[in-house]
Structures are given as C-alpha cells and as structure tokens.
C-alpha cells in the first residue's frame, strides 16, 4: 500500500497556524481568539502560548521579561491603565500564566479578553470531564459610542474598530500630517487590518479541510 501526502497542504496549514499565533500575540482591538486546533485541551495550550509574557532576546538566547513594566501589557507592550471598577480588568499576571511569580505589568484589553476566554475554556473542560453543561465566553469588542452631534474626530480605538469592521478611513483633503500623526494613523490602520485577517482565517481553514 502506498500512502501519499500533499506537501503544499501541510505547508499551508503550518503557515495559517503560525499566522494565527503571531496575530494572537500582537496588539489590536478586542475580539474573540480564533483557534487553529479543534480539541479543547490543544486550544487551551494554544491560548496559553498567546498569554505568556514576551521575553528579551539576545541572538538566540531568551532571558528576563521585555515588557515587565507598570500599566504595560506583558505580551505586546501596549500601554493601558485599568479602572478599578472595570469588569474586564484582568488579574495580576503570572510568569507562567496559571503559575509562577507575579509580574509588574498587566494585560491590554485584547489580551485581557483572551485571558478571560482562557479561564472560561479551563472551566468548560473541567465541566465536560464531570458531565456538566457549560456555556463558553466570547468577548465582545466595544463599539464607538454614538454621538448626537456630527462626528468630527475619532480616537485611535474607534478608528481601529471601524477599520476592523470593514470601513475605510482617510484624513480630510487638504490636511497636513506631521510624522507622529502619520505614524499613529498607519499603526491604527494596521491593527484594523490584522483584525480583518483574524476574521478571514477560519474561512480559509474550512476550505482547506
């Protein structure tokens, strides 16, 4: 019996998985994490990898923690200060996600949603092992609040959310941008495009199957 395989399919699957992982660790708007695995325990392992703190790197040697600073996301390095009354405020991050020593940093809104999804997935696995029904948690992105007056300015979070939903945003004609303003606008557009890519990945995987 001869068993064959298609190298292109395997290579494409590995590319999609690597892209999913890299997007999961990058900064961006709040949204659901799209798994490349189907088994719950493998999904838990995949989500845990996206929540591990980013380490410093010297050549091929990794050491310490790169973003272990106050009000800084330990995964992507985004700055965010949480309000005490915020229900999405994450717990104190640990060096191994579920164990290890506590860190000085925190999680950004995107990775805080992933952490909540991680906790719910843990409880779901435990419930299924004991024959109990459990409803999964899916974080929802915060849409820009509607204003009664005409909108003249948008915050970076509002722009990223709208671009992720498929809107195209460009500055008014005749306006001039300095280097910092242009950098901020381009970074927001990139984050919005990354969110669009995350929504497309599941459809690509379904076609490959």
Protein backbone atom coordinates (compact mmCIF):
# COMPACT_ATOMS: atom_id res chain seq x y z
CA UNK A 1 0.00 0.00 0.00
CA UNK A 2 1.29 3.40 -0.95
CA UNK A 3 0.42 6.37 1.24
CA UNK A 4 0.93 9.79 -0.26
CA UNK A 5 0.55 13.33 1.00
CA UNK A 6 0.41 16.81 -0.39
CA UNK A 7 3.33 18.91 0.87
CA UNK A 8 1.62 22.14 -0.17
CA UNK A 9 -1.39 21.45 2.08
CA UNK A 10 0.83 20.71 5.07
CA UNK A 11 2.87 23.85 4.41
CA UNK A 12 -0.28 25.97 4.09
CA UNK A 13 -1.68 24.57 7.35
CA UNK A 14 1.56 25.40 9.15
CA UNK A 15 1.51 28.92 7.67
CA UNK A 16 -2.05 29.54 8.89
CA UNK A 17 -1.21 28.23 12.37
CA UNK A 18 1.91 30.41 12.64
CA UNK A 19 -0.04 33.44 11.39
CA UNK A 20 -2.79 32.81 13.96
CA UNK A 21 -0.24 32.62 16.78
CA UNK A 22 1.63 35.76 15.70
CA UNK A 23 -1.62 37.73 15.39
CA UNK A 24 -2.71 36.44 18.80
CA UNK A 25 0.36 37.91 20.48
CA UNK A 26 0.28 41.26 18.67
CA UNK A 27 -1.68 44.26 19.92
CA UNK A 28 -5.06 45.19 18.48
CA UNK A 29 -8.77 45.64 19.16
CA UNK A 30 -10.77 43.39 21.48
CA UNK A 31 -12.16 40.27 19.86
CA UNK A 32 -12.53 36.52 20.06
CA UNK A 33 -9.41 34.37 19.67
CA UNK A 34 -9.72 32.08 16.64
CA UNK A 35 -8.22 28.65 17.30
CA UNK A 36 -6.32 26.62 14.72
CA UNK A 37 -6.89 23.46 16.78
CA UNK A 38 -10.16 21.58 17.31
CA UNK A 39 -9.58 19.70 20.59
CA UNK A 40 -10.30 21.78 23.75
CA UNK A 41 -7.04 20.87 25.53
CA UNK A 42 -4.98 21.81 22.47
CA UNK A 43 -6.96 25.05 22.23
CA UNK A 44 -6.11 25.74 25.88
CA UNK A 45 -2.42 25.18 25.15
CA UNK A 46 -2.61 27.44 22.10
CA UNK A 47 -4.31 30.23 24.05
CA UNK A 48 -1.84 29.89 26.92
CA UNK A 49 1.03 30.43 24.47
CA UNK A 50 -0.57 33.74 23.42
CA UNK A 51 -0.67 34.91 27.06
CA UNK A 52 2.92 34.11 28.03
CA UNK A 53 4.95 37.26 28.76
CA UNK A 54 7.28 38.38 25.98
CA UNK A 55 10.92 37.70 26.82
CA UNK A 56 14.05 39.64 25.99
CA UNK A 57 16.21 38.14 23.27
CA UNK A 58 19.93 38.28 22.64
CA UNK A 59 20.81 36.40 19.48
CA UNK A 60 19.13 33.02 20.13
CA UNK A 61 19.09 33.29 23.94
CA UNK A 62 15.87 34.39 25.68
CA UNK A 63 16.03 35.86 29.17
CA UNK A 64 14.00 38.05 31.54
CA UNK A 65 10.78 39.80 30.53
CA UNK A 66 10.67 42.51 27.87
CA UNK A 67 7.51 44.40 28.98
CA UNK A 68 7.52 43.89 32.76
CA UNK A 69 6.53 47.50 33.50
CA UNK A 70 3.58 49.10 35.25
CA UNK A 71 0.47 49.72 33.07
CA UNK A 72 2.17 47.84 30.21
CA UNK A 73 0.87 44.68 28.54
CA UNK A 74 3.34 41.87 29.27
CA UNK A 75 2.54 40.24 25.89
CA UNK A 76 2.55 43.02 23.28
CA UNK A 77 3.87 46.04 25.23
CA UNK A 78 0.75 48.22 24.78
CA UNK A 79 0.15 50.88 27.44
CA UNK A 80 -3.16 50.64 29.29
CA UNK A 81 -4.30 51.80 32.72
CA UNK A 82 -7.26 49.86 34.10
CA UNK A 83 -10.04 51.40 36.13
CA UNK A 84 -10.74 49.57 39.40
CA UNK A 85 -14.46 49.29 38.58
CA UNK A 86 -13.86 47.86 35.07
CA UNK A 87 -15.41 44.34 34.89
CA UNK A 88 -12.86 43.31 32.22
CA UNK A 89 -9.91 44.22 34.46
CA UNK A 90 -7.58 41.17 34.41
CA UNK A 91 -5.99 39.57 37.47
CA UNK A 92 -2.33 40.01 38.34
CA UNK A 93 -0.34 38.31 35.53
CA UNK A 94 1.93 35.41 36.38
CA UNK A 95 5.14 34.38 34.62
CA UNK A 96 3.62 31.02 33.52
CA UNK A 97 0.03 32.30 33.04
CA UNK A 98 -1.51 29.96 35.67
CA UNK A 99 1.52 29.74 37.97
CA UNK A 100 4.88 31.34 38.61
CA UNK A 101 5.90 34.63 40.12
CA UNK A 102 3.69 37.76 39.80
CA UNK A 103 4.77 40.41 37.31
CA UNK A 104 4.65 44.22 37.47
CA UNK A 105 2.81 44.63 34.17
CA UNK A 106 -0.77 43.90 33.15
CA UNK A 107 -2.77 42.84 30.07
CA UNK A 108 -4.10 45.18 27.37
CA UNK A 109 -7.88 44.97 26.62
CA UNK A 110 -7.26 42.46 23.80
CA UNK A 111 -5.18 40.05 25.90
CA UNK A 112 -7.41 40.62 28.93
CA UNK A 113 -10.25 39.25 26.79
CA UNK A 114 -8.02 36.31 25.81
CA UNK A 115 -7.25 35.69 29.49
CA UNK A 116 -10.96 35.66 30.29
CA UNK A 117 -11.53 33.28 27.38
CA UNK A 118 -8.67 31.11 28.73
CA UNK A 119 -10.29 30.91 32.18
CA UNK A 120 -13.69 30.05 30.67
CA UNK A 121 -12.13 27.35 28.48
CA UNK A 122 -10.48 25.84 31.57
CA UNK A 123 -13.85 25.74 33.33
CA UNK A 124 -15.51 24.30 30.21
CA UNK A 125 -13.01 21.42 30.06
CA UNK A 126 -13.47 20.75 33.77
CA UNK A 127 -17.26 20.81 33.38
CA UNK A 128 -17.22 18.41 30.42
CA UNK A 129 -14.99 15.99 32.32
CA UNK A 130 -17.58 15.93 35.10
CA UNK A 131 -20.60 15.76 32.78
CA UNK A 132 -21.80 19.33 33.42
CA UNK A 133 -23.06 21.66 30.67
CA UNK A 134 -21.10 24.90 30.37
CA UNK A 135 -21.65 27.95 28.18
CA UNK A 136 -18.49 29.39 26.62
CA UNK A 137 -17.47 33.02 27.00
CA UNK A 138 -16.92 35.11 23.86
CA UNK A 139 -15.52 38.64 24.45
CA UNK A 140 -17.27 41.40 22.54
CA UNK A 141 -15.50 44.41 21.11
CA UNK A 142 -16.57 47.79 22.42
CA UNK A 143 -18.06 49.72 19.52
CA UNK A 144 -17.62 53.51 19.43
CA UNK A 145 -20.37 55.32 21.29
CA UNK A 146 -22.94 57.06 19.12
CA UNK A 147 -22.91 60.84 19.33
CA UNK A 148 -25.86 63.07 18.59
CA UNK A 149 -23.70 65.81 17.11
CA UNK A 150 -21.80 65.23 13.82
CA UNK A 151 -18.58 63.27 14.38
CA UNK A 152 -15.51 65.40 13.64
CA UNK A 153 -12.75 63.41 15.39
CA UNK A 154 -12.15 59.72 16.10
CA UNK A 155 -9.98 58.19 18.79
CA UNK A 156 -7.38 55.51 17.80
CA UNK A 157 -9.57 52.79 19.36
CA UNK A 158 -12.63 53.97 17.38
CA UNK A 159 -10.64 54.07 14.15
CA UNK A 160 -9.19 50.57 14.72
CA UNK A 161 -12.65 49.15 15.50
CA UNK A 162 -14.23 50.70 12.40
CA UNK A 163 -11.37 49.55 10.12
CA UNK A 164 -11.71 46.05 11.58
CA UNK A 165 -15.41 46.13 10.67
CA UNK A 166 -14.52 46.93 7.04
CA UNK A 167 -14.70 50.75 6.95
CA UNK A 168 -12.08 52.76 5.03
CA UNK A 169 -10.98 55.90 6.90
CA UNK A 170 -8.78 58.62 5.43
CA UNK A 171 -7.90 62.13 6.64
CA UNK A 172 -9.82 65.09 5.13
CA UNK A 173 -8.47 66.54 1.92
CA UNK A 174 -6.10 69.44 2.34
CA UNK A 175 -4.93 68.41 5.84
CA UNK A 176 -1.24 68.02 6.59
CA UNK A 177 0.12 65.41 8.98
CA UNK A 178 3.38 65.51 10.86
CA UNK A 179 5.49 62.38 11.20
CA UNK A 180 3.97 61.35 14.56
CA UNK A 181 0.37 61.79 13.35
CA UNK A 182 1.12 59.78 10.20
CA UNK A 183 2.78 57.03 12.27
CA UNK A 184 -0.24 56.82 14.62
CA UNK A 185 -2.71 56.65 11.71
CA UNK A 186 -0.74 53.91 9.95
CA UNK A 187 -0.44 51.83 13.13
CA UNK A 188 -4.20 52.10 13.73
CA UNK A 189 -4.87 51.02 10.13
CA UNK A 190 -2.53 48.03 10.55
CA UNK A 191 -4.31 46.94 13.74
CA UNK A 192 -7.66 47.18 11.97
CA UNK A 193 -6.38 45.13 9.02
CA UNK A 194 -5.00 42.49 11.41
CA UNK A 195 -8.46 42.18 12.97
CA UNK A 196 -9.93 41.64 9.48
CA UNK A 197 -7.34 38.90 8.83
CA UNK A 198 -8.31 37.13 12.06
CA UNK A 199 -11.91 37.01 10.86
CA UNK A 200 -10.88 35.55 7.48
CA UNK A 201 -8.60 32.78 8.83
CA UNK A 202 -11.47 30.41 9.92
CA UNK A 203 -12.95 30.53 6.40
CA UNK A 204 -9.54 29.65 4.91
CA UNK A 205 -9.22 26.67 7.25
CA UNK A 206 -12.72 25.43 6.35
CA UNK A 207 -11.89 25.49 2.61
CA UNK A 208 -8.63 23.61 3.20
CA UNK A 209 -10.49 20.88 5.11
